[in-house]
Amino acid sequence: AKAIKAARVLQHIPSIEMIAISGALAMGNAKKEDDIDLFIVTSVDCLWMTRLVSYVLLRLAGIKVRRVGEGNPRDKLCLNLWVDTNHLVVPTRDIYSAHEVLQVKVLFDRGRTYEKFLRSNSWVAQFFPVGFDKARLASNSKQYQNSKLKFPKLAAVFLRIFETPARLLQWQYMRNKKTREKVGRG
């Protein structure tokens, strides 16, 4: 319910293309003390500004987001996976990553992004052919076609103008907190 509430808030950001649950909750085996992992896909060249706006909107909506090193993550959002539509391919091609690709549960999809994500990671069929076919069939379902709204040009210009300062600011914040995460422009 908390993930759905967050998705309803975040889907109003025009540069968000897809919001999905990942991790233990997506698998249906989350413990009471776990956080809520979200996977967010943005428009090209808007990831860092979108990320910044997302955290501000969630705070204004009163939705709790987990902070780095926080002791009790229970029921807090963890916005831990961010990519733009030019970076949909999962670089590690192993059984664990294939499982992660197939386990996501889409809450919001603008412009068939989930279908593009699956197509970009068709290699997972080597590990899970039946699961991949089921996911592809689900991606064609009307339930995922939440919005066909085009990214407004004015919003795109605004977000892209501030993309570099937003990225540099967040990279600076992350500098001493990073562990194994891969951080880049997209």
Protein backbone atom coordinates (compact mmCIF):
# COMPACT_ATOMS: atom_id res chain seq x y z
CA ALA A 1 0.00 0.00 0.00
CA LYS A 2 2.86 2.40 0.81
CA ALA A 3 4.59 1.66 -2.51
CA ILE A 4 1.34 2.29 -4.39
CA LYS A 5 0.84 5.57 -2.53
CA ALA A 6 4.39 6.63 -3.44
CA ALA A 7 3.85 5.65 -7.08
CA ARG A 8 0.69 7.77 -7.21
CA VAL A 9 2.71 10.76 -6.03
CA LEU A 10 5.72 10.15 -8.26
CA GLN A 11 3.80 9.41 -11.46
CA HIS A 12 2.98 13.12 -11.71
CA ILE A 13 6.62 13.87 -12.47
CA PRO A 14 6.58 13.90 -16.28
CA SER A 15 10.10 12.48 -16.61
CA ILE A 16 9.27 9.28 -14.71
CA GLU A 17 8.68 6.50 -17.22
CA MET A 18 8.29 3.50 -14.89
CA ILE A 19 8.00 2.73 -11.19
CA ALA A 20 8.32 -0.85 -9.97
CA ILE A 21 8.75 -2.72 -6.71
CA SER A 22 11.93 -4.78 -6.49
CA GLY A 23 13.72 -6.82 -3.84
CA ALA A 24 12.08 -8.94 -1.16
CA LEU A 25 8.69 -7.25 -1.43
CA ALA A 26 8.49 -8.00 -5.16
CA MET A 27 9.17 -11.65 -4.35
CA GLY A 28 6.51 -11.70 -1.66
CA ASN A 29 8.95 -12.65 1.08
CA ALA A 30 9.58 -9.35 2.83
CA LYS A 31 9.90 -9.39 6.60
CA LYS A 32 8.10 -6.88 8.83
CA GLU A 33 11.35 -5.00 9.46
CA ASP A 34 12.23 -4.62 5.75
CA ASP A 35 12.16 -1.49 3.64
CA ILE A 36 10.29 -1.08 0.35
CA ASP A 37 12.64 -1.16 -2.65
CA LEU A 38 11.62 0.85 -5.70
CA PHE A 39 13.09 0.73 -9.19
CA ILE A 40 12.56 3.95 -11.16
CA VAL A 41 13.17 4.58 -14.85
CA THR A 42 13.39 8.18 -16.09
CA SER A 43 13.51 9.95 -19.43
CA VAL A 44 16.95 10.43 -20.99
CA ASP A 45 19.09 13.22 -19.48
CA CYS A 46 16.63 13.77 -16.61
CA LEU A 47 17.62 11.14 -14.06
CA TRP A 48 19.36 13.33 -11.50
CA MET A 49 16.89 16.19 -11.55
CA THR A 50 14.01 13.69 -11.42
CA ARG A 51 15.65 11.96 -8.46
CA LEU A 52 15.98 15.26 -6.61
CA VAL A 53 12.37 16.27 -7.33
CA SER A 54 11.18 12.79 -6.28
CA TYR A 55 12.75 13.01 -2.84
CA VAL A 56 11.28 16.49 -2.31
CA LEU A 57 7.77 15.40 -3.42
CA LEU A 58 7.82 12.31 -1.22
CA ARG A 59 8.86 14.38 1.77
CA LEU A 60 6.07 16.91 1.07
CA ALA A 61 3.58 14.03 0.80
CA GLY A 62 4.68 12.71 4.19
CA ILE A 63 6.05 9.45 2.77
CA LYS A 64 9.09 8.20 4.65
CA VAL A 65 12.24 7.45 2.69
CA ARG A 66 15.11 5.45 4.13
CA ARG A 67 18.34 7.35 4.73
CA VAL A 68 21.81 5.88 4.35
CA GLY A 69 22.89 4.06 7.52
CA GLU A 70 19.49 4.39 9.16
CA GLY A 71 18.93 1.70 11.76
CA ASN A 72 15.24 0.89 11.34
CA PRO A 73 14.20 0.76 7.68
CA ARG A 74 10.78 -0.80 8.38
CA ASP A 75 8.10 0.40 5.95
CA LYS A 76 10.32 3.15 4.53
CA LEU A 77 10.93 3.55 0.84
CA CYS A 78 14.34 2.73 -0.53
CA LEU A 79 14.66 4.33 -3.96
CA ASN A 80 17.71 2.25 -4.74
CA LEU A 81 17.55 1.54 -8.47
CA TRP A 82 17.54 4.44 -10.92
CA VAL A 83 18.17 4.29 -14.67
CA ASP A 84 17.15 6.34 -17.67
CA THR A 85 15.66 4.84 -20.82
CA ASN A 86 19.10 4.76 -22.48
CA HIS A 87 20.45 2.51 -19.71
CA LEU A 88 17.89 -0.28 -19.43
CA VAL A 89 20.33 -3.15 -19.99
CA VAL A 90 21.40 -4.91 -16.79
CA PRO A 91 25.18 -5.27 -17.25
CA THR A 92 25.73 -8.41 -15.16
CA ARG A 93 24.41 -11.47 -16.98
CA ASP A 94 24.08 -14.17 -14.36
CA ILE A 95 21.23 -16.15 -12.81
CA TYR A 96 20.88 -13.71 -9.88
CA SER A 97 20.53 -10.68 -12.18
CA ALA A 98 18.12 -12.57 -14.45
CA HIS A 99 15.98 -13.34 -11.42
CA GLU A 100 16.08 -9.66 -10.37
CA VAL A 101 14.92 -8.55 -13.84
CA LEU A 102 11.95 -10.89 -13.81
CA GLN A 103 10.86 -10.25 -10.23
CA VAL A 104 10.03 -6.53 -10.56
CA LYS A 105 6.37 -5.65 -10.06
CA VAL A 106 5.33 -2.66 -12.13
CA LEU A 107 3.22 -0.02 -10.40
CA PHE A 108 3.35 2.63 -13.12
CA ASP A 109 4.39 2.49 -16.76
CA ARG A 110 4.40 5.37 -19.20
CA GLY A 111 4.92 4.56 -22.86
CA ARG A 112 5.50 0.79 -22.56
CA THR A 113 8.77 1.21 -20.66
CA TYR A 114 8.41 -2.17 -18.96
CA GLU A 115 8.22 -3.83 -22.37
CA LYS A 116 11.38 -1.94 -23.44
CA PHE A 117 13.11 -3.02 -20.21
CA LEU A 118 12.31 -6.67 -20.90
CA ARG A 119 13.35 -6.39 -24.55
CA SER A 120 16.65 -4.78 -23.47
CA ASN A 121 17.26 -7.72 -21.15
CA SER A 122 16.10 -10.59 -23.35
CA TRP A 123 19.23 -12.47 -22.27
CA VAL A 124 17.34 -13.52 -19.10
CA ALA A 125 15.47 -16.08 -21.24
CA GLN A 126 18.69 -18.15 -21.20
CA PHE A 127 18.15 -18.69 -17.48
CA PHE A 128 14.35 -18.51 -17.18
CA PRO A 129 12.64 -19.06 -20.57
CA VAL A 130 9.16 -19.62 -19.13
CA GLY A 131 9.44 -16.70 -16.70
CA PHE A 132 10.63 -14.41 -19.49
CA ASP A 133 7.70 -15.41 -21.72
CA LYS A 134 5.24 -14.79 -18.88
CA ALA A 135 6.77 -11.37 -18.19
CA ARG A 136 6.57 -10.45 -21.90
CA LEU A 137 2.90 -11.43 -21.99
CA ALA A 138 2.25 -9.36 -18.86
CA SER A 139 4.04 -6.36 -20.39
CA ASN A 140 1.43 -6.32 -23.15
CA SER A 141 -1.37 -6.25 -20.60
CA LYS A 142 -3.49 -3.12 -20.36
CA GLN A 143 -2.76 -2.90 -16.60
CA TYR A 144 0.72 -1.59 -17.39
CA GLN A 145 -0.35 1.04 -19.85
CA ASN A 146 -1.08 3.69 -17.22
CA SER A 147 -0.19 6.74 -19.24
CA LYS A 148 0.64 7.61 -22.80
CA LEU A 149 1.25 11.26 -21.94
CA LYS A 150 4.19 12.63 -23.88
CA PHE A 151 6.95 14.30 -21.92
CA PRO A 152 6.08 18.03 -22.18
CA LYS A 153 8.82 19.98 -23.96
CA LEU A 154 8.82 22.79 -21.40
CA ALA A 155 9.27 20.34 -18.52
CA ALA A 156 12.04 18.57 -20.44
CA VAL A 157 13.89 21.82 -21.02
CA PHE A 158 13.55 22.79 -17.34
CA LEU A 159 14.75 19.41 -16.07
CA ARG A 160 17.63 19.19 -18.52
CA ILE A 161 18.87 22.72 -17.75
CA PHE A 162 19.31 21.76 -14.10
CA GLU A 163 20.42 18.14 -14.72
CA THR A 164 24.17 18.76 -14.39
CA PRO A 165 24.01 20.81 -11.16
CA ALA A 166 21.55 18.26 -9.68
CA ARG A 167 23.88 15.40 -10.61
CA LEU A 168 26.97 17.09 -9.20
CA LEU A 169 25.18 17.98 -5.97
CA GLN A 170 23.97 14.42 -5.45
CA TRP A 171 27.30 12.87 -6.40
CA GLN A 172 28.94 15.07 -3.78
CA TYR A 173 26.40 13.92 -1.19
CA MET A 174 26.96 10.26 -2.15
CA ARG A 175 30.75 10.43 -2.25
CA ASN A 176 31.39 9.06 1.25
CA LYS A 177 28.26 6.90 1.41
CA LYS A 178 28.81 4.75 -1.68
CA THR A 179 29.57 1.07 -1.33
CA ARG A 180 29.13 -1.25 -4.34
CA GLU A 181 26.68 0.92 -6.27
CA LYS A 182 27.44 1.88 -9.84
CA VAL A 183 26.78 5.57 -10.33
CA GLY A 184 26.80 7.34 -13.68
CA ARG A 185 24.89 9.87 -15.74
CA GLY A 186 22.09 7.48 -16.65
